[in-house]
C-alpha atoms as a PDB file:
ATOM      1  CA  MET A   1      -0.637  30.381   2.488  1.00  0.00           C
ATOM      2  CA  ARG A   2       2.930  31.472   3.006  1.00  0.00           C
ATOM      3  CA  THR A   3       5.724  32.057   0.577  1.00  0.00           C
ATOM      4  CA  SER A   4       8.734  29.849   1.072  1.00  0.00           C
ATOM      5  CA  LEU A   5      10.957  27.278  -0.577  1.00  0.00           C
ATOM      6  CA  ASN A   6       9.541  23.863  -0.002  1.00  0.00           C
ATOM      7  CA  GLN A   7      12.026  21.539  -1.530  1.00  0.00           C
ATOM      8  CA  LEU A   8      15.216  23.166  -0.260  1.00  0.00           C
ATOM      9  CA  GLY A   9      16.728  22.527   3.163  1.00  0.00           C
ATOM     10  CA  GLU A  10      17.017  25.412   5.626  1.00  0.00           C
ATOM     11  CA  ASP A  11      20.792  25.376   5.508  1.00  0.00           C
ATOM     12  CA  CYS A  12      20.924  25.768   1.720  1.00  0.00           C
ATOM     13  CA  LEU A  13      23.009  28.745   0.588  1.00  0.00           C
ATOM     14  CA  CYS A  14      21.263  29.216  -2.760  1.00  0.00           C
ATOM     15  CA  ARG A  15      18.024  30.665  -1.352  1.00  0.00           C
ATOM     16  CA  SER A  16      18.574  34.129  -2.802  1.00  0.00           C
ATOM     17  CA  ASN A  17      18.903  32.770  -6.359  1.00  0.00           C
ATOM     18  CA  ALA A  18      16.045  30.277  -6.215  1.00  0.00           C
ATOM     19  CA  PRO A  19      12.505  31.258  -7.198  1.00  0.00           C
ATOM     20  CA  ARG A  20      10.026  31.525  -4.325  1.00  0.00           C
ATOM     21  CA  GLU A  21       6.770  29.630  -4.330  1.00  0.00           C
ATOM     22  CA  GLU A  22       3.626  29.476  -2.246  1.00  0.00           C
ATOM     23  CA  LYS A  23       3.645  26.862   0.478  1.00  0.00           C
ATOM     24  CA  TYR A  24       0.631  25.560   2.375  1.00  0.00           C
ATOM     25  CA  THR A  25       1.547  24.591   5.943  1.00  0.00           C
ATOM     26  CA  LEU A  26      -0.871  22.246   7.646  1.00  0.00           C
ATOM     27  CA  PRO A  27      -1.930  23.459  11.106  1.00  0.00           C
ATOM     28  CA  PRO A  28      -0.790  21.034  13.843  1.00  0.00           C
ATOM     29  CA  GLN A  29      -4.310  20.683  15.261  1.00  0.00           C
ATOM     30  CA  SER A  30      -5.884  19.861  11.898  1.00  0.00           C
ATOM     31  CA  GLN A  31      -6.676  16.401  10.594  1.00  0.00           C
ATOM     32  CA  PRO A  32      -3.361  14.752   9.794  1.00  0.00           C
ATOM     33  CA  TYR A  33      -2.535  14.146   6.155  1.00  0.00           C
ATOM     34  CA  TYR A  34       0.022  11.620   5.065  1.00  0.00           C
ATOM     35  CA  PHE A  35       2.386  11.296   2.146  1.00  0.00           C
ATOM     36  CA  ARG A  36       2.253   7.590   1.368  1.00  0.00           C
ATOM     37  CA  PHE A  37       5.181   6.276  -0.655  1.00  0.00           C
ATOM     38  CA  LEU A  38       4.055   3.491  -3.010  1.00  0.00           C
ATOM     39  CA  SER A  39       7.406   2.917  -4.666  1.00  0.00           C
ATOM     40  CA  LEU A  40      11.030   3.931  -4.251  1.00  0.00           C
ATOM     41  CA  GLY A  41      12.936   3.534  -7.486  1.00  0.00           C
ATOM     42  CA  ASP A  42      11.751   0.221  -8.938  1.00  0.00           C
ATOM     43  CA  ARG A  43      10.845  -1.252  -5.529  1.00  0.00           C
ATOM     44  CA  LYS A  44       7.262  -1.278  -4.221  1.00  0.00           C
ATOM     45  CA  VAL A  45       6.904  -0.002  -0.645  1.00  0.00           C
ATOM     46  CA  ASP A  46       4.190   1.155   1.723  1.00  0.00           C
ATOM     47  CA  ILE A  47       5.655   3.953   3.846  1.00  0.00           C
ATOM     48  CA  ARG A  48       3.356   6.587   5.351  1.00  0.00           C
ATOM     49  CA  LEU A  49       4.854   9.861   6.628  1.00  0.00           C
ATOM     50  CA  ARG A  50       3.026  12.876   8.007  1.00  0.00           C
ATOM     51  CA  LEU A  51       2.643  15.740   5.538  1.00  0.00           C
ATOM     52  CA  LEU A  52       3.895  18.994   7.084  1.00  0.00           C
ATOM     53  CA  ASP A  53       3.561  21.331   4.117  1.00  0.00           C
ATOM     54  CA  ILE A  54       3.053  21.229   0.382  1.00  0.00           C
ATOM     55  CA  SER A  55       3.708  23.530  -2.529  1.00  0.00           C
ATOM     56  CA  LYS A  56       3.336  23.402  -6.293  1.00  0.00           C
ATOM     57  CA  PHE A  57       6.708  21.698  -6.749  1.00  0.00           C
ATOM     58  CA  GLY A  58       7.366  19.803  -3.517  1.00  0.00           C
ATOM     59  CA  ALA A  59       6.448  18.861   0.021  1.00  0.00           C
ATOM     60  CA  GLN A  60       7.953  18.370   3.454  1.00  0.00           C
ATOM     61  CA  VAL A  61       7.144  15.135   5.268  1.00  0.00           C
ATOM     62  CA  GLN A  62       8.058  13.821   8.703  1.00  0.00           C
ATOM     63  CA  SER A  63       8.787  10.442  10.233  1.00  0.00           C
ATOM     64  CA  ASP A  64       9.063   9.581  13.929  1.00  0.00           C
ATOM     65  CA  ASP A  65      12.451   8.054  13.207  1.00  0.00           C
ATOM     66  CA  SER A  66      15.083   8.047  10.472  1.00  0.00           C
ATOM     67  CA  LEU A  67      14.228   5.690   7.652  1.00  0.00           C
ATOM     68  CA  ASP A  68      17.074   4.095   5.732  1.00  0.00           C
ATOM     69  CA  ASP A  69      14.533   3.168   3.027  1.00  0.00           C
ATOM     70  CA  LEU A  70      14.247   6.826   1.961  1.00  0.00           C
ATOM     71  CA  PRO A  71      17.523   7.685   0.248  1.00  0.00           C
ATOM     72  CA  VAL A  72      18.327  11.265  -0.724  1.00  0.00           C
ATOM     73  CA  ASN A  73      18.193  11.608  -4.532  1.00  0.00           C
ATOM     74  CA  GLY A  74      15.985   8.511  -4.694  1.00  0.00           C
ATOM     75  CA  GLY A  75      12.958   8.556  -6.990  1.00  0.00           C
ATOM     76  CA  PHE A  76       9.472   7.836  -5.663  1.00  0.00           C
ATOM     77  CA  GLU A  77       5.780   7.502  -6.474  1.00  0.00           C
ATOM     78  CA  ALA A  78       3.343   8.541  -3.744  1.00  0.00           C
ATOM     79  CA  VAL A  79      -0.205   9.629  -2.896  1.00  0.00           C
ATOM     80  CA  ILE A  80      -1.634  12.005  -0.300  1.00  0.00           C
ATOM     81  CA  GLU A  81      -4.259  10.686   2.091  1.00  0.00           C
ATOM     82  CA  GLY A  82      -5.991  11.749   5.269  1.00  0.00           C
ATOM     83  CA  ASP A  83      -7.923   9.683   7.764  1.00  0.00           C
ATOM     84  CA  THR A  84     -11.116  10.230   5.762  1.00  0.00           C
ATOM     85  CA  ILE A  85      -9.877  11.555   2.380  1.00  0.00           C
ATOM     86  CA  ALA A  86      -7.549  10.096  -0.233  1.00  0.00           C
ATOM     87  CA  PHE A  87      -6.500  12.193  -3.210  1.00  0.00           C
ATOM     88  CA  PRO A  88      -6.607  10.226  -6.474  1.00  0.00           C
ATOM     89  CA  ASP A  89      -3.488  11.813  -8.004  1.00  0.00           C
ATOM     90  CA  ARG A  90      -0.139  10.068  -7.848  1.00  0.00           C
ATOM     91  CA  PHE A  91       2.971  12.133  -7.370  1.00  0.00           C
ATOM     92  CA  LYS A  92       6.352  11.228  -8.821  1.00  0.00           C
ATOM     93  CA  GLY A  93       9.576  12.899  -7.883  1.00  0.00           C
ATOM     94  CA  VAL A  94      12.829  12.791  -5.944  1.00  0.00           C
ATOM     95  CA  ILE A  95      13.711  12.934  -2.244  1.00  0.00           C
ATOM     96  CA  VAL A  96      15.894  16.052  -2.101  1.00  0.00           C
ATOM     97  CA  TRP A  97      16.977  16.399   1.528  1.00  0.00           C
ATOM     98  CA  LYS A  98      16.788  14.759   4.939  1.00  0.00           C
ATOM     99  CA  ARG A  99      17.422  16.232   8.410  1.00  0.00           C
ATOM    100  CA  ARG A 100      16.871  15.225  12.011  1.00  0.00           C
ATOM    101  CA  GLU A 101      14.686  17.468  14.168  1.00  0.00           C
ATOM    102  CA  GLY A 102      14.159  16.653  17.842  1.00  0.00           C
ATOM    103  CA  GLY A 103      13.812  12.881  17.602  1.00  0.00           C
ATOM    104  CA  CYS A 104      11.997  13.039  14.264  1.00  0.00           C
ATOM    105  CA  CYS A 105      13.323  13.021  10.748  1.00  0.00           C
ATOM    106  CA  ALA A 106      12.093  15.474   8.092  1.00  0.00           C
ATOM    107  CA  TYR A 107      12.390  14.909   4.357  1.00  0.00           C
ATOM    108  CA  GLY A 108      12.007  17.323   1.469  1.00  0.00           C
ATOM    109  CA  VAL A 109      10.538  15.894  -1.719  1.00  0.00           C
ATOM    110  CA  SER A 110      10.445  17.524  -5.121  1.00  0.00           C
ATOM    111  CA  PHE A 111       7.781  16.651  -7.714  1.00  0.00           C
ATOM    112  CA  ASN A 112       8.637  15.897 -11.349  1.00  0.00           C
ATOM    113  CA  HIS A 113       5.727  18.073 -12.505  1.00  0.00           C
ATOM    114  CA  ALA A 114       3.961  21.013 -10.916  1.00  0.00           C
ATOM    115  CA  ILE A 115       0.753  20.042  -9.106  1.00  0.00           C
ATOM    116  CA  GLU A 116      -2.527  21.930  -8.826  1.00  0.00           C
ATOM    117  CA  ILE A 117      -2.001  23.137  -5.257  1.00  0.00           C
ATOM    118  CA  ASN A 118      -5.223  25.172  -5.125  1.00  0.00           C
ATOM    119  CA  LEU A 119      -7.415  22.082  -5.518  1.00  0.00           C
ATOM    120  CA  ILE A 120      -5.567  20.129  -2.839  1.00  0.00           C
ATOM    121  CA  THR A 121      -5.581  22.962  -0.304  1.00  0.00           C
ATOM    122  CA  ALA A 122      -9.256  23.752  -0.979  1.00  0.00           C
ATOM    123  CA  VAL A 123     -10.222  20.177  -0.106  1.00  0.00           C
ATOM    124  CA  MET A 124      -8.004  20.243   3.004  1.00  0.00           C
ATOM    125  CA  GLU A 125      -9.495  23.553   4.172  1.00  0.00           C
ATOM    126  CA  LYS A 126     -13.063  22.350   3.607  1.00  0.00           C
ATOM    127  CA  ALA A 127     -12.367  19.135   5.537  1.00  0.00           C
ATOM    128  CA  ARG A 128     -10.787  21.148   8.364  1.00  0.00           C
ATOM    129  CA  GLY A 129     -13.826  23.449   8.543  1.00  0.00           C
ATOM    130  CA  ILE A 130     -16.226  20.514   8.710  1.00  0.00           C
ATOM    131  CA  ALA A 131     -14.133  18.770  11.391  1.00  0.00           C
ATOM    132  CA  GLU A 132     -13.940  21.947  13.509  1.00  0.00           C
ATOM    133  CA  GLY A 133     -17.702  22.456  13.214  1.00  0.00           C
ATOM    134  CA  LEU A 134     -18.362  18.921  14.406  1.00  0.00           C
ATOM    135  CA  ARG A 135     -15.899  19.211  17.326  1.00  0.00           C
ATOM    136  CA  LYS A 136     -17.488  22.324  18.821  1.00  0.00           C
ATOM    137  CA  PRO A 137     -19.667  21.641  21.852  1.00  0.00           C
ATOM    138  CA  GLY A 138     -23.244  22.136  20.800  1.00  0.00           C
ATOM    139  CA  GLY A 139     -21.943  22.288  17.243  1.00  0.00           C
ATOM    140  CA  ARG A 140     -24.046  23.316  14.329  1.00  0.00           C
ATOM    141  CA  LYS A 141     -26.823  20.997  13.339  1.00  0.00           C
ATOM    142  CA  ILE A 142     -26.598  19.532   9.906  1.00  0.00           C
ATOM    143  CA  HIS A 143     -29.465  20.973   7.906  1.00  0.00           C
ATOM    144  CA  ALA A 144     -32.039  18.479   6.593  1.00  0.00           C
ATOM    145  CA  ARG A 145     -31.572  19.789   3.040  1.00  0.00           C
ATOM    146  CA  THR A 146     -27.841  19.061   3.283  1.00  0.00           C
ATOM    147  CA  LEU A 147     -28.521  15.493   4.363  1.00  0.00           C
ATOM    148  CA  SER A 148     -31.073  15.138   1.574  1.00  0.00           C
ATOM    149  CA  PHE A 149     -28.609  16.475  -0.993  1.00  0.00           C
ATOM    150  CA  LEU A 150     -25.907  14.042   0.161  1.00  0.00           C
ATOM    151  CA  TYR A 151     -28.336  11.116  -0.001  1.00  0.00           C
ATOM    152  CA  GLU A 152     -29.491  12.083  -3.511  1.00  0.00           C
ATOM    153  CA  ALA A 153     -25.880  12.552  -4.662  1.00  0.00           C
ATOM    154  CA  GLU A 154     -24.980   9.097  -3.340  1.00  0.00           C
ATOM    155  CA  GLN A 155     -27.968   7.543  -5.117  1.00  0.00           C
ATOM    156  CA  SER A 156     -27.033   9.299  -8.391  1.00  0.00           C
ATOM    157  CA  LEU A 157     -23.454   8.087  -8.144  1.00  0.00           C
ATOM    158  CA  ASN A 158     -24.668   4.545  -7.501  1.00  0.00           C
ATOM    159  CA  ARG A 159     -26.926   4.743 -10.592  1.00  0.00           C
ATOM    160  CA  PHE A 160     -24.040   6.042 -12.725  1.00  0.00           C
ATOM    161  CA  THR A 161     -21.781   3.267 -11.452  1.00  0.00           C
ATOM    162  CA  ASP A 162     -24.435   0.660 -12.331  1.00  0.00           C
ATOM    163  CA  GLN A 163     -24.868   2.152 -15.820  1.00  0.00           C
ATOM    164  CA  ILE A 164     -21.105   2.179 -16.434  1.00  0.00           C
ATOM    165  CA  ASN A 165     -20.830  -1.442 -15.299  1.00  0.00           C
ATOM    166  CA  SER A 166     -23.720  -2.397 -17.632  1.00  0.00           C
ATOM    167  CA  LEU A 167     -22.023  -0.640 -20.552  1.00  0.00           C
ATOM    168  CA  ASP A 168     -18.738  -2.387 -19.771  1.00  0.00           C
ATOM    169  CA  GLU A 169     -20.496  -5.763 -19.767  1.00  0.00           C
ATOM    170  CA  LEU A 170     -22.229  -4.943 -23.066  1.00  0.00           C
ATOM    171  CA  ILE A 171     -18.959  -3.846 -24.722  1.00  0.00           C
ATOM    172  CA  ASN A 172     -17.085  -6.912 -23.460  1.00  0.00           C
ATOM    173  CA  GLY A 173     -19.923  -9.174 -24.641  1.00  0.00           C
ATOM    174  CA  ARG A 174     -19.860  -7.658 -28.135  1.00  0.00           C
ATOM    175  CA  ARG A 175     -16.077  -8.036 -28.276  1.00  0.00           C
ATOM    176  CA  ARG A 176     -16.404 -11.738 -27.425  1.00  0.00           C
ATOM    177  CA  ASP A 177     -19.110 -12.171 -30.091  1.00  0.00           C
ATOM    178  CA  LEU A 178     -16.953 -10.456 -32.721  1.00  0.00           C
ATOM    179  CA  SER A 179     -13.948 -12.579 -31.757  1.00  0.00           C
ATOM    180  CA  ARG A 180     -16.029 -15.756 -32.116  1.00  0.00           C
ATOM    181  CA  GLN A 181     -17.366 -14.669 -35.516  1.00  0.00           C
ATOM    182  CA  ILE A 182     -13.881 -13.883 -36.789  1.00  0.00           C
ATOM    183  CA  PHE A 183     -12.515 -17.159 -35.424  1.00  0.00           C
ATOM    184  CA  HIS A 184     -15.318 -19.163 -37.118  1.00  0.00           C
ATOM    185  CA  ARG A 185     -14.776 -17.392 -40.441  1.00  0.00           C
ATOM    186  CA  LEU A 186     -11.059 -18.072 -40.313  1.00  0.00           C
ATOM    187  CA  GLY A 187     -11.451 -21.623 -39.050  1.00  0.00           C
END
């Protein structure tokens, strides 16, 4: 973790007055994470830009070219996803700045509400550690107990999902029965 201002451009003169915040910069060799815009203003979109860094109040993302669809001061809703991981939280905020850097275009986004950066970075670090362990020649073997734990966890989640679906069906069935009874009494 480094301390820096995430949502302000480098050429901003107000750095000395602005509060400083922790920023997590993704290593270039790590699994890429993307900031996927789902909406801009009231318009639905599907724009995926590489996530360069993230902090509690904003992020820096990068596109291979300048996108006219991403207006400065435009509101957005987005999610963060990797090749193998998608974070469930949706982020809302404003695109604060845009600048060209060597053929690419970087954007600074500011979130409407502070996010829980520690949870996001912990997942990213864990995923990076696993990926590095698997890439090493003669990498570590996955322990049989680990595989067993993962299998049991998957089975438990499947059972919970089945139970939740059964409860949903039961609740919906009782609602239909109640609606019919009320309709017959009124009719």
